[in-house]
Every structure is written in C-alpha cells, then in structure tokens.
C-alpha cells in the first residue's frame, strides 16, 4: 500500500512539473502572438499608406494559422495534464 502512495505522489510531482512547463510555454505563446500582431500591423500600415495590392493578407492568414496551432497544442496539453491530476486526487 505504501508503494502505491509513493507512486501516486511521484506521479503528482511529475504532472505538476509538466503543468509548470506548459504555463511557461504560454508565456512564449504570448510573445509569439505579440510579434505576430506588431509585424502584421506594420506590414498593413505600410501597404495602406503606399497603396497597391494588399499582400500582407498572406502572412496574416498563414502565420495566423501557425499561431492558432501553437495555442491549440498548448490548450490540449494543459487540459490533458489537468485531467490526469484531477484523476489522481
């Protein structure tokens, strides 16, 4: 019985560390999102001031898809770890 409780405690510690790592990864995501917004805003202002074809639509759409994938991966990982932590308690 003692071995089982030790395993549970070790598993909780591992999952806690994983959750902290994911929370740190959210900080990196917010930096990614800020850079995406700043760069695409600058591209858009440049094209709108000069006129012509609105080519920033391409980085907005395709880079935006990458930002969404980044966010969804973090969300799924966090929910998975939180669910497993809840099942241990």
PDB file of N, CA and C in Angstrom:
ATOM      1  N   UNK A   1       0.822  -1.191   0.000  1.00  0.00           N
ATOM      2  CA  UNK A   1       0.000   0.000   0.000  1.00  0.00           C
ATOM      3  C   UNK A   1       0.867   1.256   0.000  1.00  0.00           C
ATOM      4  N   UNK A   2       1.948   1.222   0.752  1.00  0.00           N
ATOM      5  CA  UNK A   2       2.846   2.371   0.823  1.00  0.00           C
ATOM      6  C   UNK A   2       3.491   2.644  -0.538  1.00  0.00           C
ATOM      7  N   UNK A   3       3.832   1.580  -1.239  1.00  0.00           N
ATOM      8  CA  UNK A   3       4.428   1.726  -2.563  1.00  0.00           C
ATOM      9  C   UNK A   3       3.463   2.435  -3.517  1.00  0.00           C
ATOM     10  N   UNK A   4       2.195   2.101  -3.412  1.00  0.00           N
ATOM     11  CA  UNK A   4       1.170   2.734  -4.254  1.00  0.00           C
ATOM     12  C   UNK A   4       1.067   4.233  -3.965  1.00  0.00           C
ATOM     13  N   UNK A   5       1.104   4.620  -2.714  1.00  0.00           N
ATOM     14  CA  UNK A   5       1.003   6.043  -2.372  1.00  0.00           C
ATOM     15  C   UNK A   5       2.256   6.805  -2.811  1.00  0.00           C
ATOM     16  N   UNK A   6       3.404   6.167  -2.753  1.00  0.00           N
ATOM     17  CA  UNK A   6       4.638   6.791  -3.226  1.00  0.00           C
ATOM     18  C   UNK A   6       4.568   7.004  -4.732  1.00  0.00           C
ATOM     19  N   UNK A   7       4.076   6.007  -5.451  1.00  0.00           N
ATOM     20  CA  UNK A   7       3.926   6.149  -6.899  1.00  0.00           C
ATOM     21  C   UNK A   7       2.975   7.300  -7.243  1.00  0.00           C
ATOM     22  N   UNK A   8       1.887   7.400  -6.474  1.00  0.00           N
ATOM     23  CA  UNK A   8       0.919   8.461  -6.720  1.00  0.00           C
ATOM     24  C   UNK A   8       1.546   9.829  -6.469  1.00  0.00           C
ATOM     25  N   UNK A   9       2.310   9.953  -5.401  1.00  0.00           N
ATOM     26  CA  UNK A   9       2.975  11.223  -5.088  1.00  0.00           C
ATOM     27  C   UNK A   9       3.999  11.605  -6.155  1.00  0.00           C
ATOM     28  N   UNK A  10       4.765  10.610  -6.607  1.00  0.00           N
ATOM     29  CA  UNK A  10       5.751  10.867  -7.658  1.00  0.00           C
ATOM     30  C   UNK A  10       5.046  11.285  -8.941  1.00  0.00           C
ATOM     31  N   UNK A  11       3.955  10.616  -9.277  1.00  0.00           N
ATOM     32  CA  UNK A  11       3.190  10.965 -10.484  1.00  0.00           C
ATOM     33  C   UNK A  11       2.626  12.382 -10.378  1.00  0.00           C
ATOM     34  N   UNK A  12       2.120  12.749  -9.200  1.00  0.00           N
ATOM     35  CA  UNK A  12       1.615  14.108  -8.980  1.00  0.00           C
ATOM     36  C   UNK A  12       2.727  15.140  -9.159  1.00  0.00           C
ATOM     37  N   UNK A  13       3.908  14.828  -8.657  1.00  0.00           N
ATOM     38  CA  UNK A  13       5.045  15.749  -8.791  1.00  0.00           C
ATOM     39  C   UNK A  13       5.437  15.912 -10.260  1.00  0.00           C
ATOM     40  N   UNK A  14       5.478  14.819 -10.991  1.00  0.00           N
ATOM     41  CA  UNK A  14       5.822  14.869 -12.420  1.00  0.00           C
ATOM     42  C   UNK A  14       4.791  15.688 -13.179  1.00  0.00           C
ATOM     43  N   UNK A  15       3.516  15.451 -12.898  1.00  0.00           N
ATOM     44  CA  UNK A  15       2.458  16.203 -13.577  1.00  0.00           C
ATOM     45  C   UNK A  15       2.482  17.679 -13.190  1.00  0.00           C
ATOM     46  N   UNK A  16       2.809  17.970 -11.940  1.00  0.00           N
ATOM     47  CA  UNK A  16       2.933  19.363 -11.511  1.00  0.00           C
ATOM     48  C   UNK A  16       4.045  20.082 -12.257  1.00  0.00           C
ATOM     49  N   UNK A  17       5.162  19.404 -12.428  1.00  0.00           N
ATOM     50  CA  UNK A  17       6.261  19.994 -13.194  1.00  0.00           C
ATOM     51  C   UNK A  17       5.865  20.213 -14.650  1.00  0.00           C
ATOM     52  N   UNK A  18       5.144  19.254 -15.210  1.00  0.00           N
ATOM     53  CA  UNK A  18       4.686  19.374 -16.595  1.00  0.00           C
ATOM     54  C   UNK A  18       3.722  20.556 -16.734  1.00  0.00           C
ATOM     55  N   UNK A  19       2.862  20.738 -15.760  1.00  0.00           N
ATOM     56  CA  UNK A  19       1.920  21.859 -15.791  1.00  0.00           C
ATOM     57  C   UNK A  19       2.660  23.193 -15.696  1.00  0.00           C
ATOM     58  N   UNK A  20       3.691  23.255 -14.877  1.00  0.00           N
ATOM     59  CA  UNK A  20       4.504  24.490 -14.796  1.00  0.00           C
ATOM     60  C   UNK A  20       5.230  24.743 -16.113  1.00  0.00           C
ATOM     61  N   UNK A  21       5.706  23.690 -16.770  1.00  0.00           N
ATOM     62  CA  UNK A  21       6.367  23.842 -18.060  1.00  0.00           C
ATOM     63  C   UNK A  21       5.387  24.364 -19.113  1.00  0.00           C
ATOM     64  N   UNK A  22       4.175  23.845 -19.081  1.00  0.00           N
ATOM     65  CA  UNK A  22       3.161  24.310 -20.024  1.00  0.00           C
ATOM     66  C   UNK A  22       2.813  25.770 -19.757  1.00  0.00           C
ATOM     67  N   UNK A  23       2.704  26.145 -18.501  1.00  0.00           N
ATOM     68  CA  UNK A  23       2.416  27.549 -18.175  1.00  0.00           C
ATOM     69  C   UNK A  23       3.541  28.464 -18.647  1.00  0.00           C
ATOM     70  N   UNK A  24       4.783  28.005 -18.559  1.00  0.00           N
ATOM     71  CA  UNK A  24       5.904  28.786 -19.101  1.00  0.00           C
ATOM     72  C   UNK A  24       5.801  28.877 -20.630  1.00  0.00           C
ATOM     73  N   UNK A  25       5.328  27.805 -21.253  1.00  0.00           N
ATOM     74  CA  UNK A  25       5.161  27.814 -22.707  1.00  0.00           C
ATOM     75  C   UNK A  25       4.074  28.799 -23.131  1.00  0.00           C
ATOM     76  N   UNK A  26       3.099  29.042 -22.266  1.00  0.00           N
ATOM     77  CA  UNK A  26       2.087  30.057 -22.562  1.00  0.00           C
ATOM     78  C   UNK A  26       2.729  31.441 -22.661  1.00  0.00           C
ATOM     79  N   UNK A  27       3.729  31.699 -21.845  1.00  0.00           N
ATOM     80  CA  UNK A  27       4.442  32.981 -21.934  1.00  0.00           C
ATOM     81  C   UNK A  27       5.093  33.126 -23.309  1.00  0.00           C
ATOM     82  N   UNK A  28       5.692  32.057 -23.792  1.00  0.00           N
ATOM     83  CA  UNK A  28       6.297  32.080 -25.129  1.00  0.00           C
ATOM     84  C   UNK A  28       5.224  32.280 -26.193  1.00  0.00           C
ATOM     85  N   UNK A  29       4.049  31.688 -25.993  1.00  0.00           N
ATOM     86  CA  UNK A  29       2.959  31.885 -26.947  1.00  0.00           C
ATOM     87  C   UNK A  29       2.552  33.355 -27.001  1.00  0.00           C
ATOM     88  N   UNK A  30       2.432  34.008 -25.850  1.00  0.00           N
ATOM     89  CA  UNK A  30       2.013  35.405 -25.836  1.00  0.00           C
ATOM     90  C   UNK A  30       3.055  36.303 -26.505  1.00  0.00           C
ATOM     91  N   UNK A  31       4.326  35.958 -26.389  1.00  0.00           N
ATOM     92  CA  UNK A  31       5.369  36.687 -27.116  1.00  0.00           C
ATOM     93  C   UNK A  31       5.184  36.469 -28.617  1.00  0.00           C
ATOM     94  N   UNK A  32       4.931  35.230 -29.015  1.00  0.00           N
ATOM     95  CA  UNK A  32       4.684  34.892 -30.418  1.00  0.00           C
ATOM     96  C   UNK A  32       3.486  35.694 -30.942  1.00  0.00           C
ATOM     97  N   UNK A  33       2.417  35.749 -30.172  1.00  0.00           N
ATOM     98  CA  UNK A  33       1.217  36.474 -30.575  1.00  0.00           C
ATOM     99  C   UNK A  33       1.489  37.976 -30.705  1.00  0.00           C
ATOM    100  N   UNK A  34       2.239  38.530 -29.766  1.00  0.00           N
ATOM    101  CA  UNK A  34       2.559  39.967 -29.825  1.00  0.00           C
ATOM    102  C   UNK A  34       3.390  40.289 -31.063  1.00  0.00           C
ATOM    103  N   UNK A  35       4.385  39.468 -31.362  1.00  0.00           N
ATOM    104  CA  UNK A  35       5.215  39.694 -32.548  1.00  0.00           C
ATOM    105  C   UNK A  35       4.363  39.578 -33.811  1.00  0.00           C
ATOM    106  N   UNK A  36       3.484  38.596 -33.847  1.00  0.00           N
ATOM    107  CA  UNK A  36       2.570  38.431 -34.985  1.00  0.00           C
ATOM    108  C   UNK A  36       1.748  39.700 -35.203  1.00  0.00           C
ATOM    109  N   UNK A  37       1.170  40.222 -34.138  1.00  0.00           N
ATOM    110  CA  UNK A  37       0.320  41.418 -34.253  1.00  0.00           C
ATOM    111  C   UNK A  37       1.128  42.640 -34.683  1.00  0.00           C
ATOM    112  N   UNK A  38       2.284  42.852 -34.086  1.00  0.00           N
ATOM    113  CA  UNK A  38       3.102  44.024 -34.400  1.00  0.00           C
ATOM    114  C   UNK A  38       3.588  43.984 -35.851  1.00  0.00           C
ATOM    115  N   UNK A  39       4.130  42.854 -36.258  1.00  0.00           N
ATOM    116  CA  UNK A  39       4.672  42.736 -37.612  1.00  0.00           C
ATOM    117  C   UNK A  39       3.572  42.890 -38.655  1.00  0.00           C
ATOM    118  N   UNK A  40       2.457  42.217 -38.454  1.00  0.00           N
ATOM    119  CA  UNK A  40       1.388  42.298 -39.448  1.00  0.00           C
ATOM    120  C   UNK A  40       0.717  43.663 -39.455  1.00  0.00           C
ATOM    121  N   UNK A  41       0.660  44.327 -38.313  1.00  0.00           N
ATOM    122  CA  UNK A  41       0.146  45.700 -38.292  1.00  0.00           C
ATOM    123  C   UNK A  41       1.082  46.622 -39.072  1.00  0.00           C
ATOM    124  N   UNK A  42       2.382  46.451 -38.882  1.00  0.00           N
ATOM    125  CA  UNK A  42       3.352  47.279 -39.605  1.00  0.00           C
ATOM    126  C   UNK A  42       3.259  47.026 -41.114  1.00  0.00           C
ATOM    127  N   UNK A  43       3.171  45.757 -41.513  1.00  0.00           N
ATOM    128  CA  UNK A  43       3.010  45.443 -42.934  1.00  0.00           C
ATOM    129  C   UNK A  43       1.749  46.098 -43.494  1.00  0.00           C
ATOM    130  N   UNK A  44       0.662  45.996 -42.753  1.00  0.00           N
ATOM    131  CA  UNK A  44      -0.619  46.529 -43.220  1.00  0.00           C
ATOM    132  C   UNK A  44      -0.578  48.043 -43.351  1.00  0.00           C
ATOM    133  N   UNK A  45      -0.019  48.729 -42.359  1.00  0.00           N
ATOM    134  CA  UNK A  45       0.081  50.190 -42.418  1.00  0.00           C
ATOM    135  C   UNK A  45       0.944  50.598 -43.606  1.00  0.00           C
ATOM    136  N   UNK A  46       2.038  49.913 -43.814  1.00  0.00           N
ATOM    137  CA  UNK A  46       2.930  50.216 -44.933  1.00  0.00           C
ATOM    138  C   UNK A  46       2.187  50.121 -46.269  1.00  0.00           C
ATOM    139  N   UNK A  47       1.467  49.030 -46.472  1.00  0.00           N
ATOM    140  CA  UNK A  47       0.764  48.833 -47.738  1.00  0.00           C
ATOM    141  C   UNK A  47      -0.395  49.822 -47.873  1.00  0.00           C
ATOM    142  N   UNK A  48      -1.105  50.086 -46.792  1.00  0.00           N
ATOM    143  CA  UNK A  48      -2.231  51.011 -46.865  1.00  0.00           C
ATOM    144  C   UNK A  48      -1.770  52.438 -47.162  1.00  0.00           C
ATOM    145  N   UNK A  49      -0.600  52.809 -46.663  1.00  0.00           N
ATOM    146  CA  UNK A  49      -0.071  54.148 -46.945  1.00  0.00           C
ATOM    147  C   UNK A  49       0.462  54.273 -48.370  1.00  0.00           C
ATOM    148  N   UNK A  50       1.054  53.212 -48.886  1.00  0.00           N
ATOM    149  CA  UNK A  50       1.631  53.249 -50.230  1.00  0.00           C
ATOM    150  C   UNK A  50       0.635  52.870 -51.309  1.00  0.00           C
ATOM    151  N   UNK A  51      -0.379  52.142 -50.939  1.00  0.00           N
ATOM    152  CA  UNK A  51      -1.365  51.690 -51.922  1.00  0.00           C
ATOM    153  C   UNK A  51      -0.897  50.437 -52.622  1.00  0.00           C
ATOM    154  N   UNK A  52      -1.729  49.915 -53.459  1.00  0.00           N
ATOM    155  CA  UNK A  52      -1.384  48.715 -54.207  1.00  0.00           C
ATOM    156  C   UNK A  52      -2.028  47.475 -53.628  1.00  0.00           C
ATOM    157  N   UNK A  53      -1.563  46.344 -54.126  1.00  0.00           N
ATOM    158  CA  UNK A  53      -2.092  45.048 -53.699  1.00  0.00           C
ATOM    159  C   UNK A  53      -1.835  44.825 -52.219  1.00  0.00           C
ATOM    160  N   UNK A  54      -2.842  44.360 -51.505  1.00  0.00           N
ATOM    161  CA  UNK A  54      -2.708  44.129 -50.061  1.00  0.00           C
ATOM    162  C   UNK A  54      -2.085  42.754 -49.817  1.00  0.00           C
ATOM    163  N   UNK A  55      -0.771  42.685 -50.019  1.00  0.00           N
ATOM    164  CA  UNK A  55      -0.060  41.419 -49.875  1.00  0.00           C
ATOM    165  C   UNK A  55       0.068  40.933 -48.427  1.00  0.00           C
ATOM    166  N   UNK A  56      -0.082  41.806 -47.385  1.00  0.00           N
ATOM    167  CA  UNK A  56       0.013  41.285 -46.017  1.00  0.00           C
ATOM    168  C   UNK A  56      -1.055  40.253 -45.656  1.00  0.00           C
ATOM    169  N   UNK A  57      -2.050  40.097 -46.508  1.00  0.00           N
ATOM    170  CA  UNK A  57      -3.063  39.082 -46.237  1.00  0.00           C
ATOM    171  C   UNK A  57      -2.437  37.688 -46.136  1.00  0.00           C
ATOM    172  N   UNK A  58      -1.365  37.456 -46.872  1.00  0.00           N
ATOM    173  CA  UNK A  58      -0.731  36.129 -46.856  1.00  0.00           C
ATOM    174  C   UNK A  58      -0.059  35.820 -45.512  1.00  0.00           C
ATOM    175  N   UNK A  59       0.805  36.708 -44.977  1.00  0.00           N
ATOM    176  CA  UNK A  59       1.340  36.389 -43.652  1.00  0.00           C
ATOM    177  C   UNK A  59       0.272  36.420 -42.563  1.00  0.00           C
ATOM    178  N   UNK A  60      -0.738  37.279 -42.724  1.00  0.00           N
ATOM    179  CA  UNK A  60      -1.807  37.327 -41.719  1.00  0.00           C
ATOM    180  C   UNK A  60      -2.507  35.968 -41.649  1.00  0.00           C
ATOM    181  N   UNK A  61      -2.843  35.406 -42.803  1.00  0.00           N
ATOM    182  CA  UNK A  61      -3.579  34.135 -42.826  1.00  0.00           C
ATOM    183  C   UNK A  61      -2.687  32.953 -42.452  1.00  0.00           C
ATOM    184  N   UNK A  62      -1.544  32.831 -43.111  1.00  0.00           N
ATOM    185  CA  UNK A  62      -0.726  31.635 -42.899  1.00  0.00           C
ATOM    186  C   UNK A  62       0.025  31.649 -41.572  1.00  0.00           C
ATOM    187  N   UNK A  63       0.571  32.794 -41.203  1.00  0.00           N
ATOM    188  CA  UNK A  63       1.222  32.896 -39.892  1.00  0.00           C
ATOM    189  C   UNK A  63       0.166  32.791 -38.804  1.00  0.00           C
ATOM    190  N   UNK A  64      -1.015  33.351 -39.059  1.00  0.00           N
ATOM    191  CA  UNK A  64      -2.120  33.245 -38.115  1.00  0.00           C
ATOM    192  C   UNK A  64      -2.521  31.803 -37.862  1.00  0.00           C
ATOM    193  N   UNK A  65      -2.482  30.993 -38.920  1.00  0.00           N
ATOM    194  CA  UNK A  65      -2.768  29.567 -38.745  1.00  0.00           C
ATOM    195  C   UNK A  65      -1.732  28.925 -37.814  1.00  0.00           C
ATOM    196  N   UNK A  66      -0.478  29.328 -37.956  1.00  0.00           N
ATOM    197  CA  UNK A  66       0.563  28.816 -37.066  1.00  0.00           C
ATOM    198  C   UNK A  66       0.352  29.238 -35.625  1.00  0.00           C
ATOM    199  N   UNK A  67      -0.092  30.471 -35.432  1.00  0.00           N
ATOM    200  CA  UNK A  67      -0.383  30.960 -34.076  1.00  0.00           C
ATOM    201  C   UNK A  67      -1.530  30.153 -33.465  1.00  0.00           C
ATOM    202  N   UNK A  68      -2.563  29.883 -34.266  1.00  0.00           N
ATOM    203  CA  UNK A  68      -3.690  29.086 -33.770  1.00  0.00           C
ATOM    204  C   UNK A  68      -3.273  27.660 -33.409  1.00  0.00           C
ATOM    205  N   UNK A  69      -2.411  27.069 -34.221  1.00  0.00           N
ATOM    206  CA  UNK A  69      -1.922  25.722 -33.913  1.00  0.00           C
ATOM    207  C   UNK A  69      -1.100  25.733 -32.627  1.00  0.00           C
ATOM    208  N   UNK A  70      -0.264  26.751 -32.460  1.00  0.00           N
ATOM    209  CA  UNK A  70       0.540  26.905 -31.251  1.00  0.00           C
ATOM    210  C   UNK A  70      -0.382  26.947 -30.026  1.00  0.00           C
ATOM    211  N   UNK A  71      -1.426  27.777 -30.089  1.00  0.00           N
ATOM    212  CA  UNK A  71      -2.356  27.912 -28.974  1.00  0.00           C
ATOM    213  C   UNK A  71      -3.124  26.618 -28.715  1.00  0.00           C
ATOM    214  N   UNK A  72      -3.602  25.978 -29.775  1.00  0.00           N
ATOM    215  CA  UNK A  72      -4.397  24.764 -29.585  1.00  0.00           C
ATOM    216  C   UNK A  72      -3.564  23.627 -28.994  1.00  0.00           C
ATOM    217  N   UNK A  73      -2.312  23.521 -29.395  1.00  0.00           N
ATOM    218  CA  UNK A  73      -1.434  22.484 -28.820  1.00  0.00           C
ATOM    219  C   UNK A  73      -1.237  22.703 -27.323  1.00  0.00           C
ATOM    220  N   UNK A  74      -1.025  23.952 -26.937  1.00  0.00           N
ATOM    221  CA  UNK A  74      -0.859  24.252 -25.516  1.00  0.00           C
ATOM    222  C   UNK A  74      -2.142  23.967 -24.743  1.00  0.00           C
ATOM    223  N   UNK A  75      -3.272  24.336 -25.310  1.00  0.00           N
ATOM    224  CA  UNK A  75      -4.550  24.115 -24.625  1.00  0.00           C
ATOM    225  C   UNK A  75      -4.836  22.634 -24.419  1.00  0.00           C
ATOM    226  N   UNK A  76      -4.604  21.846 -25.452  1.00  0.00           N
ATOM    227  CA  UNK A  76      -4.849  20.408 -25.348  1.00  0.00           C
ATOM    228  C   UNK A  76      -3.914  19.780 -24.315  1.00  0.00           C
ATOM    229  N   UNK A  77      -2.647  20.164 -24.338  1.00  0.00           N
ATOM    230  CA  UNK A  77      -1.679  19.612 -23.385  1.00  0.00           C
ATOM    231  C   UNK A  77      -2.055  19.983 -21.953  1.00  0.00           C
ATOM    232  N   UNK A  78      -2.450  21.234 -21.740  1.00  0.00           N
ATOM    233  CA  UNK A  78      -2.803  21.674 -20.393  1.00  0.00           C
ATOM    234  C   UNK A  78      -4.042  20.950 -19.884  1.00  0.00           C
ATOM    235  N   UNK A  79      -5.055  20.813 -20.729  1.00  0.00           N
ATOM    236  CA  UNK A  79      -6.271  20.104 -20.317  1.00  0.00           C
ATOM    237  C   UNK A  79      -5.973  18.652 -19.988  1.00  0.00           C
ATOM    238  N   UNK A  80      -5.101  18.030 -20.769  1.00  0.00           N
ATOM    239  CA  UNK A  80      -4.747  16.637 -20.539  1.00  0.00           C
ATOM    240  C   UNK A  80      -4.052  16.464 -19.187  1.00  0.00           C
ATOM    241  N   UNK A  81      -3.098  17.328 -18.897  1.00  0.00           N
ATOM    242  CA  UNK A  81      -2.363  17.235 -17.629  1.00  0.00           C
ATOM    243  C   UNK A  81      -3.291  17.537 -16.457  1.00  0.00           C
ATOM    244  N   UNK A  82      -4.136  18.561 -16.590  1.00  0.00           N
ATOM    245  CA  UNK A  82      -5.065  18.895 -15.509  1.00  0.00           C
ATOM    246  C   UNK A  82      -6.045  17.759 -15.248  1.00  0.00           C
ATOM    247  N   UNK A  83      -6.520  17.118 -16.313  1.00  0.00           N
ATOM    248  CA  UNK A  83      -7.448  15.998 -16.164  1.00  0.00           C
ATOM    249  C   UNK A  83      -6.768  14.837 -15.429  1.00  0.00           C
ATOM    250  N   UNK A  84      -5.532  14.562 -15.787  1.00  0.00           N
ATOM    251  CA  UNK A  84      -4.809  13.464 -15.130  1.00  0.00           C
ATOM    252  C   UNK A  84      -4.531  13.791 -13.669  1.00  0.00           C
ATOM    253  N   UNK A  85      -4.208  15.044 -13.382  1.00  0.00           N
ATOM    254  CA  UNK A  85      -4.013  15.452 -11.988  1.00  0.00           C
ATOM    255  C   UNK A  85      -5.293  15.292 -11.181  1.00  0.00           C
ATOM    256  N   UNK A  86      -6.410  15.657 -11.770  1.00  0.00           N
ATOM    257  CA  UNK A  86      -7.689  15.516 -11.076  1.00  0.00           C
ATOM    258  C   UNK A  86      -8.008  14.051 -10.801  1.00  0.00           C
ATOM    259  N   UNK A  87      -7.672  13.184 -11.750  1.00  0.00           N
ATOM    260  CA  UNK A  87      -7.976  11.764 -11.555  1.00  0.00           C
ATOM    261  C   UNK A  87      -7.121  11.158 -10.445  1.00  0.00           C
ATOM    262  N   UNK A  88      -5.952  11.722 -10.187  1.00  0.00           N
ATOM    263  CA  UNK A  88      -5.092  11.225  -9.103  1.00  0.00           C
ATOM    264  C   UNK A  88      -5.595  11.640  -7.721  1.00  0.00           C
ATOM    265  N   UNK A  89      -6.344  12.724  -7.678  1.00  0.00           N
ATOM    266  CA  UNK A  89      -6.796  13.232  -6.370  1.00  0.00           C
ATOM    267  C   UNK A  89      -8.105  12.673  -5.941  1.00  0.00           C
TER     268      UNK A  89
END
